[in-house]
């Protein structure tokens, strides 16, 4: 993983770094970025993609929440409709320029 001698992960990750953190291959991250599921920025018009570490953490939390909701849904009569509804849940992923995605 890319670091600058300090052992710390920087604010922006390369696609390879994001893939390493999630233990997946690079094409998987590339597809998540291109589909818009994983927010990322491009350095320049045609430069490499970068994933902000904060956005990656939020994306991971959202996947956990999706899994929890799916598990509740599978429990049928025990599922709480309020817990399964996304109404009133603010979007947590934000583009780097600060605009909200709703």
C-alpha atoms as a PDB file:
ATOM      1  CA  UNK A   1       0.000   0.000   0.000  1.00  0.00           C
ATOM      2  CA  UNK A   2       1.200   3.432  -0.824  1.00  0.00           C
ATOM      3  CA  UNK A   3       2.564   5.353   2.137  1.00  0.00           C
ATOM      4  CA  UNK A   4       5.197   7.956   2.525  1.00  0.00           C
ATOM      5  CA  UNK A   5       7.385   6.350   5.155  1.00  0.00           C
ATOM      6  CA  UNK A   6       5.148   7.323   8.052  1.00  0.00           C
ATOM      7  CA  UNK A   7       2.978   4.202   8.014  1.00  0.00           C
ATOM      8  CA  UNK A   8      -0.123   6.369   7.678  1.00  0.00           C
ATOM      9  CA  UNK A   9      -2.614   6.169   4.867  1.00  0.00           C
ATOM     10  CA  UNK A  10      -3.105   9.482   3.105  1.00  0.00           C
ATOM     11  CA  UNK A  11      -6.403  11.214   2.422  1.00  0.00           C
ATOM     12  CA  UNK A  12      -6.645   9.847  -1.129  1.00  0.00           C
ATOM     13  CA  UNK A  13      -6.093   6.246  -2.145  1.00  0.00           C
ATOM     14  CA  UNK A  14      -5.113   4.841  -5.489  1.00  0.00           C
ATOM     15  CA  UNK A  15      -7.435   2.255  -7.005  1.00  0.00           C
ATOM     16  CA  UNK A  16      -4.834  -0.376  -6.067  1.00  0.00           C
ATOM     17  CA  UNK A  17      -4.766   0.846  -2.449  1.00  0.00           C
ATOM     18  CA  UNK A  18      -8.564   0.737  -2.201  1.00  0.00           C
ATOM     19  CA  UNK A  19      -8.548  -2.778  -3.690  1.00  0.00           C
ATOM     20  CA  UNK A  20      -5.931  -3.872  -1.156  1.00  0.00           C
ATOM     21  CA  UNK A  21      -7.913  -2.451   1.774  1.00  0.00           C
ATOM     22  CA  UNK A  22     -11.036  -4.307   0.645  1.00  0.00           C
ATOM     23  CA  UNK A  23      -9.125  -7.466  -0.357  1.00  0.00           C
ATOM     24  CA  UNK A  24     -10.543  -7.396  -3.879  1.00  0.00           C
ATOM     25  CA  UNK A  25      -8.987  -7.059  -7.297  1.00  0.00           C
ATOM     26  CA  UNK A  26      -8.414  -3.732  -9.063  1.00  0.00           C
ATOM     27  CA  UNK A  27     -11.121  -4.317 -11.732  1.00  0.00           C
ATOM     28  CA  UNK A  28     -13.713  -4.649  -8.951  1.00  0.00           C
ATOM     29  CA  UNK A  29     -12.847  -1.194  -7.584  1.00  0.00           C
ATOM     30  CA  UNK A  30     -12.697   0.224 -11.095  1.00  0.00           C
ATOM     31  CA  UNK A  31     -16.225  -1.066 -11.796  1.00  0.00           C
ATOM     32  CA  UNK A  32     -17.547   0.362  -8.498  1.00  0.00           C
ATOM     33  CA  UNK A  33     -16.100   3.750  -9.442  1.00  0.00           C
ATOM     34  CA  UNK A  34     -17.345   3.705 -13.034  1.00  0.00           C
ATOM     35  CA  UNK A  35     -20.847   2.649 -11.940  1.00  0.00           C
ATOM     36  CA  UNK A  36     -20.952   5.581  -9.503  1.00  0.00           C
ATOM     37  CA  UNK A  37     -21.394   3.313  -6.485  1.00  0.00           C
ATOM     38  CA  UNK A  38     -18.036   4.265  -4.988  1.00  0.00           C
ATOM     39  CA  UNK A  39     -17.347   8.023  -5.118  1.00  0.00           C
ATOM     40  CA  UNK A  40     -13.974   8.907  -6.594  1.00  0.00           C
ATOM     41  CA  UNK A  41     -12.243  11.766  -8.343  1.00  0.00           C
ATOM     42  CA  UNK A  42     -10.045  11.801 -11.383  1.00  0.00           C
ATOM     43  CA  UNK A  43      -6.770  13.680 -11.246  1.00  0.00           C
ATOM     44  CA  UNK A  44      -6.927  15.824 -14.356  1.00  0.00           C
ATOM     45  CA  UNK A  45      -9.126  15.064 -17.348  1.00  0.00           C
ATOM     46  CA  UNK A  46      -7.713  11.620 -18.032  1.00  0.00           C
ATOM     47  CA  UNK A  47      -5.502  10.972 -15.029  1.00  0.00           C
ATOM     48  CA  UNK A  48      -5.768   8.219 -12.453  1.00  0.00           C
ATOM     49  CA  UNK A  49      -8.761   7.772 -10.173  1.00  0.00           C
ATOM     50  CA  UNK A  50      -8.429   8.510  -6.462  1.00  0.00           C
ATOM     51  CA  UNK A  51     -10.765   7.356  -3.689  1.00  0.00           C
ATOM     52  CA  UNK A  52     -11.000   9.506  -0.590  1.00  0.00           C
ATOM     53  CA  UNK A  53     -10.426   7.363   2.501  1.00  0.00           C
ATOM     54  CA  UNK A  54     -13.419   8.920   4.281  1.00  0.00           C
ATOM     55  CA  UNK A  55     -15.687   8.046   1.344  1.00  0.00           C
ATOM     56  CA  UNK A  56     -14.393   4.477   1.353  1.00  0.00           C
ATOM     57  CA  UNK A  57     -15.189   4.144   5.064  1.00  0.00           C
ATOM     58  CA  UNK A  58     -18.704   5.532   4.510  1.00  0.00           C
ATOM     59  CA  UNK A  59     -19.207   3.168   1.575  1.00  0.00           C
ATOM     60  CA  UNK A  60     -18.175   0.228   3.792  1.00  0.00           C
ATOM     61  CA  UNK A  61     -20.625   1.334   6.512  1.00  0.00           C
ATOM     62  CA  UNK A  62     -23.370   1.542   3.894  1.00  0.00           C
ATOM     63  CA  UNK A  63     -22.618  -2.029   2.779  1.00  0.00           C
ATOM     64  CA  UNK A  64     -22.947  -3.182   6.394  1.00  0.00           C
ATOM     65  CA  UNK A  65     -26.280  -1.370   6.642  1.00  0.00           C
ATOM     66  CA  UNK A  66     -27.470  -2.960   3.391  1.00  0.00           C
ATOM     67  CA  UNK A  67     -26.538  -6.375   4.763  1.00  0.00           C
ATOM     68  CA  UNK A  68     -28.386  -5.687   8.025  1.00  0.00           C
ATOM     69  CA  UNK A  69     -31.515  -4.582   6.164  1.00  0.00           C
ATOM     70  CA  UNK A  70     -31.348  -7.600   3.869  1.00  0.00           C
ATOM     71  CA  UNK A  71     -31.040  -9.934   6.867  1.00  0.00           C
ATOM     72  CA  UNK A  72     -34.062  -8.290   8.525  1.00  0.00           C
ATOM     73  CA  UNK A  73     -36.049  -8.570   5.314  1.00  0.00           C
ATOM     74  CA  UNK A  74     -35.233 -12.276   5.118  1.00  0.00           C
ATOM     75  CA  UNK A  75     -36.637 -12.749   8.629  1.00  0.00           C
ATOM     76  CA  UNK A  76     -40.075 -11.919   7.212  1.00  0.00           C
ATOM     77  CA  UNK A  77     -42.627 -11.228   9.922  1.00  0.00           C
ATOM     78  CA  UNK A  78     -39.896 -10.157  12.336  1.00  0.00           C
ATOM     79  CA  UNK A  79     -38.682  -7.347  10.117  1.00  0.00           C
ATOM     80  CA  UNK A  80     -39.509  -3.841  11.288  1.00  0.00           C
ATOM     81  CA  UNK A  81     -40.796  -1.793   8.366  1.00  0.00           C
ATOM     82  CA  UNK A  82     -39.359   1.385   9.873  1.00  0.00           C
ATOM     83  CA  UNK A  83     -35.894  -0.196  10.064  1.00  0.00           C
ATOM     84  CA  UNK A  84     -36.116  -1.292   6.432  1.00  0.00           C
ATOM     85  CA  UNK A  85     -37.301   2.053   5.118  1.00  0.00           C
ATOM     86  CA  UNK A  86     -34.658   4.498   3.982  1.00  0.00           C
ATOM     87  CA  UNK A  87     -37.066   7.405   4.403  1.00  0.00           C
ATOM     88  CA  UNK A  88     -35.466  10.165   6.413  1.00  0.00           C
ATOM     89  CA  UNK A  89     -32.009   8.633   6.089  1.00  0.00           C
ATOM     90  CA  UNK A  90     -29.664  11.353   4.853  1.00  0.00           C
ATOM     91  CA  UNK A  91     -27.159  10.481   2.171  1.00  0.00           C
ATOM     92  CA  UNK A  92     -23.755  10.050   3.781  1.00  0.00           C
ATOM     93  CA  UNK A  93     -21.605   9.899   0.676  1.00  0.00           C
ATOM     94  CA  UNK A  94     -20.569  13.301  -0.557  1.00  0.00           C
ATOM     95  CA  UNK A  95     -18.603  14.328  -3.602  1.00  0.00           C
ATOM     96  CA  UNK A  96     -15.292  15.946  -2.848  1.00  0.00           C
ATOM     97  CA  UNK A  97     -16.591  19.356  -3.940  1.00  0.00           C
ATOM     98  CA  UNK A  98     -19.064  19.316  -1.028  1.00  0.00           C
ATOM     99  CA  UNK A  99     -22.312  18.897  -2.979  1.00  0.00           C
ATOM    100  CA  UNK A 100     -24.810  16.456  -1.466  1.00  0.00           C
ATOM    101  CA  UNK A 101     -25.960  13.413  -3.347  1.00  0.00           C
ATOM    102  CA  UNK A 102     -29.675  12.848  -2.766  1.00  0.00           C
END
